[in-house]
Amino acid sequence: LLCVVRELETDAAVRVVIVTGVGK
């Protein structure tokens, strides 16, 4: 999770991040 949020910080095209879970 830390890696993915850091990865997204480098992507200027991404403005909004939605976080959710798979399953119940």
PDB file of all heavy atoms in Angstrom:
ATOM      1  N   LEU A   1       0.828  -1.199   0.000  1.00  0.00           N
ATOM      2  CA  LEU A   1       0.000   0.000   0.000  1.00  0.00           C
ATOM      3  C   LEU A   1       0.870   1.258   0.000  1.00  0.00           C
ATOM      4  O   LEU A   1       0.591   2.226  -0.726  1.00  0.00           O
ATOM      5  CB  LEU A   1      -0.919  -0.017   1.214  1.00  0.00           C
ATOM      6  CG  LEU A   1      -2.054   0.999   1.266  1.00  0.00           C
ATOM      7  CD1 LEU A   1      -2.933   0.942   0.022  1.00  0.00           C
ATOM      8  CD2 LEU A   1      -2.890   0.753   2.523  1.00  0.00           C
ATOM      9  N   LEU A   2       1.934   1.243   0.782  1.00  0.00           N
ATOM     10  CA  LEU A   2       2.855   2.384   0.787  1.00  0.00           C
ATOM     11  C   LEU A   2       3.494   2.554  -0.583  1.00  0.00           C
ATOM     12  O   LEU A   2       3.607   3.686  -1.089  1.00  0.00           O
ATOM     13  CB  LEU A   2       3.928   2.188   1.861  1.00  0.00           C
ATOM     14  CG  LEU A   2       4.941   3.322   1.987  1.00  0.00           C
ATOM     15  CD1 LEU A   2       4.267   4.649   2.303  1.00  0.00           C
ATOM     16  CD2 LEU A   2       5.982   2.977   3.053  1.00  0.00           C
ATOM     17  N   CYS A   3       3.882   1.460  -1.208  1.00  0.00           N
ATOM     18  CA  CYS A   3       4.484   1.540  -2.543  1.00  0.00           C
ATOM     19  C   CYS A   3       3.501   2.114  -3.560  1.00  0.00           C
ATOM     20  O   CYS A   3       3.874   2.945  -4.396  1.00  0.00           O
ATOM     21  CB  CYS A   3       4.963   0.165  -2.999  1.00  0.00           C
ATOM     22  SG  CYS A   3       6.453  -0.427  -2.186  1.00  0.00           S
ATOM     23  N   VAL A   4       2.239   1.687  -3.493  1.00  0.00           N
ATOM     24  CA  VAL A   4       1.286   2.122  -4.510  1.00  0.00           C
ATOM     25  C   VAL A   4       0.934   3.596  -4.337  1.00  0.00           C
ATOM     26  O   VAL A   4       0.801   4.324  -5.327  1.00  0.00           O
ATOM     27  CB  VAL A   4       0.029   1.224  -4.531  1.00  0.00           C
ATOM     28  CG1 VAL A   4      -0.919   1.508  -3.395  1.00  0.00           C
ATOM     29  CG2 VAL A   4      -0.705   1.372  -5.860  1.00  0.00           C
ATOM     30  N   VAL A   5       0.795   4.086  -3.103  1.00  0.00           N
ATOM     31  CA  VAL A   5       0.486   5.508  -2.945  1.00  0.00           C
ATOM     32  C   VAL A   5       1.682   6.367  -3.354  1.00  0.00           C
ATOM     33  O   VAL A   5       1.515   7.457  -3.919  1.00  0.00           O
ATOM     34  CB  VAL A   5      -0.006   5.856  -1.524  1.00  0.00           C
ATOM     35  CG1 VAL A   5      -1.329   5.164  -1.239  1.00  0.00           C
ATOM     36  CG2 VAL A   5       1.021   5.541  -0.459  1.00  0.00           C
ATOM     37  N   ARG A   6       2.885   5.865  -3.098  1.00  0.00           N
ATOM     38  CA  ARG A   6       4.072   6.597  -3.564  1.00  0.00           C
ATOM     39  C   ARG A   6       4.162   6.580  -5.086  1.00  0.00           C
ATOM     40  O   ARG A   6       4.540   7.574  -5.706  1.00  0.00           O
ATOM     41  CB  ARG A   6       5.333   5.992  -2.942  1.00  0.00           C
ATOM     42  CG  ARG A   6       5.533   6.358  -1.477  1.00  0.00           C
ATOM     43  CD  ARG A   6       6.734   5.662  -0.878  1.00  0.00           C
ATOM     44  NE  ARG A   6       7.052   6.158   0.455  1.00  0.00           N
ATOM     45  CZ  ARG A   6       7.925   5.582   1.282  1.00  0.00           C
ATOM     46  NH1 ARG A   6       8.569   4.472   0.890  1.00  0.00           N
ATOM     47  NH2 ARG A   6       8.167   6.101   2.466  1.00  0.00           N
ATOM     48  N   GLU A   7       3.815   5.455  -5.685  1.00  0.00           N
ATOM     49  CA  GLU A   7       3.802   5.363  -7.148  1.00  0.00           C
ATOM     50  C   GLU A   7       2.823   6.373  -7.737  1.00  0.00           C
ATOM     51  O   GLU A   7       3.136   7.070  -8.718  1.00  0.00           O
ATOM     52  CB  GLU A   7       3.406   3.949  -7.573  1.00  0.00           C
ATOM     53  CG  GLU A   7       3.242   3.772  -9.082  1.00  0.00           C
ATOM     54  CD  GLU A   7       2.669   2.413  -9.470  1.00  0.00           C
ATOM     55  OE1 GLU A   7       2.910   1.435  -8.734  1.00  0.00           O
ATOM     56  OE2 GLU A   7       1.975   2.333 -10.497  1.00  0.00           O
ATOM     57  N   LEU A   8       1.650   6.473  -7.159  1.00  0.00           N
ATOM     58  CA  LEU A   8       0.651   7.398  -7.673  1.00  0.00           C
ATOM     59  C   LEU A   8       1.077   8.855  -7.519  1.00  0.00           C
ATOM     60  O   LEU A   8       0.678   9.713  -8.312  1.00  0.00           O
ATOM     61  CB  LEU A   8      -0.696   7.163  -6.980  1.00  0.00           C
ATOM     62  CG  LEU A   8      -1.392   5.856  -7.352  1.00  0.00           C
ATOM     63  CD1 LEU A   8      -2.615   5.625  -6.479  1.00  0.00           C
ATOM     64  CD2 LEU A   8      -1.779   5.841  -8.829  1.00  0.00           C
ATOM     65  N   GLU A   9       1.900   9.142  -6.504  1.00  0.00           N
ATOM     66  CA  GLU A   9       2.396  10.509  -6.334  1.00  0.00           C
ATOM     67  C   GLU A   9       3.228  10.960  -7.526  1.00  0.00           C
ATOM     68  O   GLU A   9       3.334  12.154  -7.802  1.00  0.00           O
ATOM     69  CB  GLU A   9       3.222  10.619  -5.052  1.00  0.00           C
ATOM     70  CG  GLU A   9       2.409  10.637  -3.783  1.00  0.00           C
ATOM     71  CD  GLU A   9       1.420  11.793  -3.749  1.00  0.00           C
ATOM     72  OE1 GLU A   9       1.853  12.951  -3.643  1.00  0.00           O
ATOM     73  OE2 GLU A   9       0.207  11.530  -3.846  1.00  0.00           O
ATOM     74  N   THR A  10       3.808  10.021  -8.249  1.00  0.00           N
ATOM     75  CA  THR A  10       4.658  10.363  -9.396  1.00  0.00           C
ATOM     76  C   THR A  10       3.856  10.474 -10.692  1.00  0.00           C
ATOM     77  O   THR A  10       4.418  10.808 -11.732  1.00  0.00           O
ATOM     78  CB  THR A  10       5.767   9.314  -9.589  1.00  0.00           C
ATOM     79  OG1 THR A  10       5.177   8.066  -9.997  1.00  0.00           O
ATOM     80  CG2 THR A  10       6.552   9.104  -8.304  1.00  0.00           C
ATOM     81  N   ASP A  11       2.561  10.178 -10.637  1.00  0.00           N
ATOM     82  CA  ASP A  11       1.715  10.199 -11.836  1.00  0.00           C
ATOM     83  C   ASP A  11       0.868  11.467 -11.829  1.00  0.00           C
ATOM     84  O   ASP A  11      -0.178  11.542 -11.174  1.00  0.00           O
ATOM     85  CB  ASP A  11       0.819   8.957 -11.871  1.00  0.00           C
ATOM     86  CG  ASP A  11       0.094   8.792 -13.199  1.00  0.00           C
ATOM     87  OD1 ASP A  11      -0.015   9.789 -13.944  1.00  0.00           O
ATOM     88  OD2 ASP A  11      -0.373   7.672 -13.483  1.00  0.00           O
ATOM     89  N   ALA A  12       1.329  12.469 -12.563  1.00  0.00           N
ATOM     90  CA  ALA A  12       0.639  13.761 -12.565  1.00  0.00           C
ATOM     91  C   ALA A  12      -0.745  13.674 -13.181  1.00  0.00           C
ATOM     92  O   ALA A  12      -1.598  14.540 -12.934  1.00  0.00           O
ATOM     93  CB  ALA A  12       1.486  14.793 -13.309  1.00  0.00           C
ATOM     94  N   ALA A  13      -1.001  12.656 -14.000  1.00  0.00           N
ATOM     95  CA  ALA A  13      -2.310  12.523 -14.652  1.00  0.00           C
ATOM     96  C   ALA A  13      -3.400  12.111 -13.672  1.00  0.00           C
ATOM     97  O   ALA A  13      -4.584  12.356 -13.920  1.00  0.00           O
ATOM     98  CB  ALA A  13      -2.230  11.512 -15.787  1.00  0.00           C
ATOM     99  N   VAL A  14      -3.032  11.496 -12.559  1.00  0.00           N
ATOM    100  CA  VAL A  14      -4.009  11.052 -11.570  1.00  0.00           C
ATOM    101  C   VAL A  14      -4.315  12.196 -10.618  1.00  0.00           C
ATOM    102  O   VAL A  14      -3.428  12.742  -9.971  1.00  0.00           O
ATOM    103  CB  VAL A  14      -3.491   9.832 -10.785  1.00  0.00           C
ATOM    104  CG1 VAL A  14      -4.426   9.498  -9.625  1.00  0.00           C
ATOM    105  CG2 VAL A  14      -3.354   8.627 -11.707  1.00  0.00           C
ATOM    106  N   ARG A  15      -5.593  12.557 -10.531  1.00  0.00           N
ATOM    107  CA  ARG A  15      -6.017  13.665  -9.682  1.00  0.00           C
ATOM    108  C   ARG A  15      -6.747  13.187  -8.428  1.00  0.00           C
ATOM    109  O   ARG A  15      -6.681  13.822  -7.385  1.00  0.00           O
ATOM    110  CB  ARG A  15      -6.957  14.569 -10.483  1.00  0.00           C
ATOM    111  CG  ARG A  15      -6.337  15.208 -11.732  1.00  0.00           C
ATOM    112  CD  ARG A  15      -5.764  16.548 -11.430  1.00  0.00           C
ATOM    113  NE  ARG A  15      -6.665  17.341 -10.615  1.00  0.00           N
ATOM    114  CZ  ARG A  15      -7.757  17.978 -11.070  1.00  0.00           C
ATOM    115  NH1 ARG A  15      -8.080  17.915 -12.356  1.00  0.00           N
ATOM    116  NH2 ARG A  15      -8.513  18.670 -10.234  1.00  0.00           N
ATOM    117  N   VAL A  16      -7.489  12.082  -8.566  1.00  0.00           N
ATOM    118  CA  VAL A  16      -8.281  11.556  -7.452  1.00  0.00           C
ATOM    119  C   VAL A  16      -8.004  10.064  -7.336  1.00  0.00           C
ATOM    120  O   VAL A  16      -7.902   9.362  -8.351  1.00  0.00           O
ATOM    121  CB  VAL A  16      -9.787  11.796  -7.661  1.00  0.00           C
ATOM    122  CG1 VAL A  16     -10.591  11.212  -6.502  1.00  0.00           C
ATOM    123  CG2 VAL A  16     -10.086  13.291  -7.805  1.00  0.00           C
ATOM    124  N   VAL A  17      -7.894   9.585  -6.090  1.00  0.00           N
ATOM    125  CA  VAL A  17      -7.661   8.163  -5.825  1.00  0.00           C
ATOM    126  C   VAL A  17      -8.819   7.632  -4.993  1.00  0.00           C
ATOM    127  O   VAL A  17      -9.134   8.184  -3.932  1.00  0.00           O
ATOM    128  CB  VAL A  17      -6.337   7.937  -5.083  1.00  0.00           C
ATOM    129  CG1 VAL A  17      -6.102   6.438  -4.860  1.00  0.00           C
ATOM    130  CG2 VAL A  17      -5.170   8.563  -5.839  1.00  0.00           C
ATOM    131  N   ILE A  18      -9.463   6.580  -5.488  1.00  0.00           N
ATOM    132  CA  ILE A  18     -10.515   5.898  -4.739  1.00  0.00           C
ATOM    133  C   ILE A  18      -9.912   4.632  -4.136  1.00  0.00           C
ATOM    134  O   ILE A  18      -9.234   3.873  -4.834  1.00  0.00           O
ATOM    135  CB  ILE A  18     -11.697   5.522  -5.653  1.00  0.00           C
ATOM    136  CG1 ILE A  18     -12.327   6.782  -6.257  1.00  0.00           C
ATOM    137  CG2 ILE A  18     -12.745   4.711  -4.894  1.00  0.00           C
ATOM    138  CD1 ILE A  18     -13.339   6.493  -7.353  1.00  0.00           C
ATOM    139  N   VAL A  19     -10.146   4.400  -2.850  1.00  0.00           N
ATOM    140  CA  VAL A  19      -9.662   3.171  -2.211  1.00  0.00           C
ATOM    141  C   VAL A  19     -10.870   2.358  -1.754  1.00  0.00           C
ATOM    142  O   VAL A  19     -11.839   2.903  -1.214  1.00  0.00           O
ATOM    143  CB  VAL A  19      -8.704   3.456  -1.036  1.00  0.00           C
ATOM    144  CG1 VAL A  19      -7.432   4.102  -1.533  1.00  0.00           C
ATOM    145  CG2 VAL A  19      -9.351   4.343   0.019  1.00  0.00           C
ATOM    146  N   THR A  20     -10.829   1.053  -1.978  1.00  0.00           N
ATOM    147  CA  THR A  20     -11.933   0.183  -1.600  1.00  0.00           C
ATOM    148  C   THR A  20     -11.390  -1.208  -1.312  1.00  0.00           C
ATOM    149  O   THR A  20     -10.173  -1.439  -1.379  1.00  0.00           O
ATOM    150  CB  THR A  20     -13.005   0.168  -2.718  1.00  0.00           C
ATOM    151  OG1 THR A  20     -14.199  -0.426  -2.220  1.00  0.00           O
ATOM    152  CG2 THR A  20     -12.524  -0.568  -3.959  1.00  0.00           C
ATOM    153  N   GLY A  21     -12.275  -2.135  -0.995  1.00  0.00           N
ATOM    154  CA  GLY A  21     -11.862  -3.498  -0.712  1.00  0.00           C
ATOM    155  C   GLY A  21     -12.570  -4.493  -1.600  1.00  0.00           C
ATOM    156  O   GLY A  21     -13.693  -4.248  -2.043  1.00  0.00           O
ATOM    157  N   VAL A  22     -11.933  -5.620  -1.856  1.00  0.00           N
ATOM    158  CA  VAL A  22     -12.537  -6.716  -2.603  1.00  0.00           C
ATOM    159  C   VAL A  22     -13.220  -7.649  -1.601  1.00  0.00           C
ATOM    160  O   VAL A  22     -12.660  -7.970  -0.550  1.00  0.00           O
ATOM    161  CB  VAL A  22     -11.472  -7.489  -3.409  1.00  0.00           C
ATOM    162  CG1 VAL A  22     -12.079  -8.716  -4.073  1.00  0.00           C
ATOM    163  CG2 VAL A  22     -10.830  -6.574  -4.446  1.00  0.00           C
ATOM    164  N   GLY A  23     -14.440  -8.073  -1.916  1.00  0.00           N
ATOM    165  CA  GLY A  23     -15.164  -8.968  -1.019  1.00  0.00           C
ATOM    166  C   GLY A  23     -16.057  -8.210  -0.064  1.00  0.00           C
ATOM    167  O   GLY A  23     -16.522  -7.108  -0.355  1.00  0.00           O
ATOM    168  N   LYS A  24     -16.284  -8.761   1.132  1.00  0.00           N
ATOM    169  CA  LYS A  24     -17.246  -8.173   2.058  1.00  0.00           C
ATOM    170  C   LYS A  24     -16.628  -7.230   3.079  1.00  0.00           C
ATOM    171  O   LYS A  24     -17.327  -6.762   3.976  1.00  0.00           O
ATOM    172  CB  LYS A  24     -18.034  -9.266   2.768  1.00  0.00           C
ATOM    173  CG  LYS A  24     -17.216 -10.197   3.651  1.00  0.00           C
ATOM    174  CD  LYS A  24     -18.134 -11.269   4.253  1.00  0.00           C
ATOM    175  CE  LYS A  24     -17.345 -12.213   5.167  1.00  0.00           C
ATOM    176  NZ  LYS A  24     -18.232 -13.242   5.753  1.00  0.00           N
TER     177      LYS A  24
END
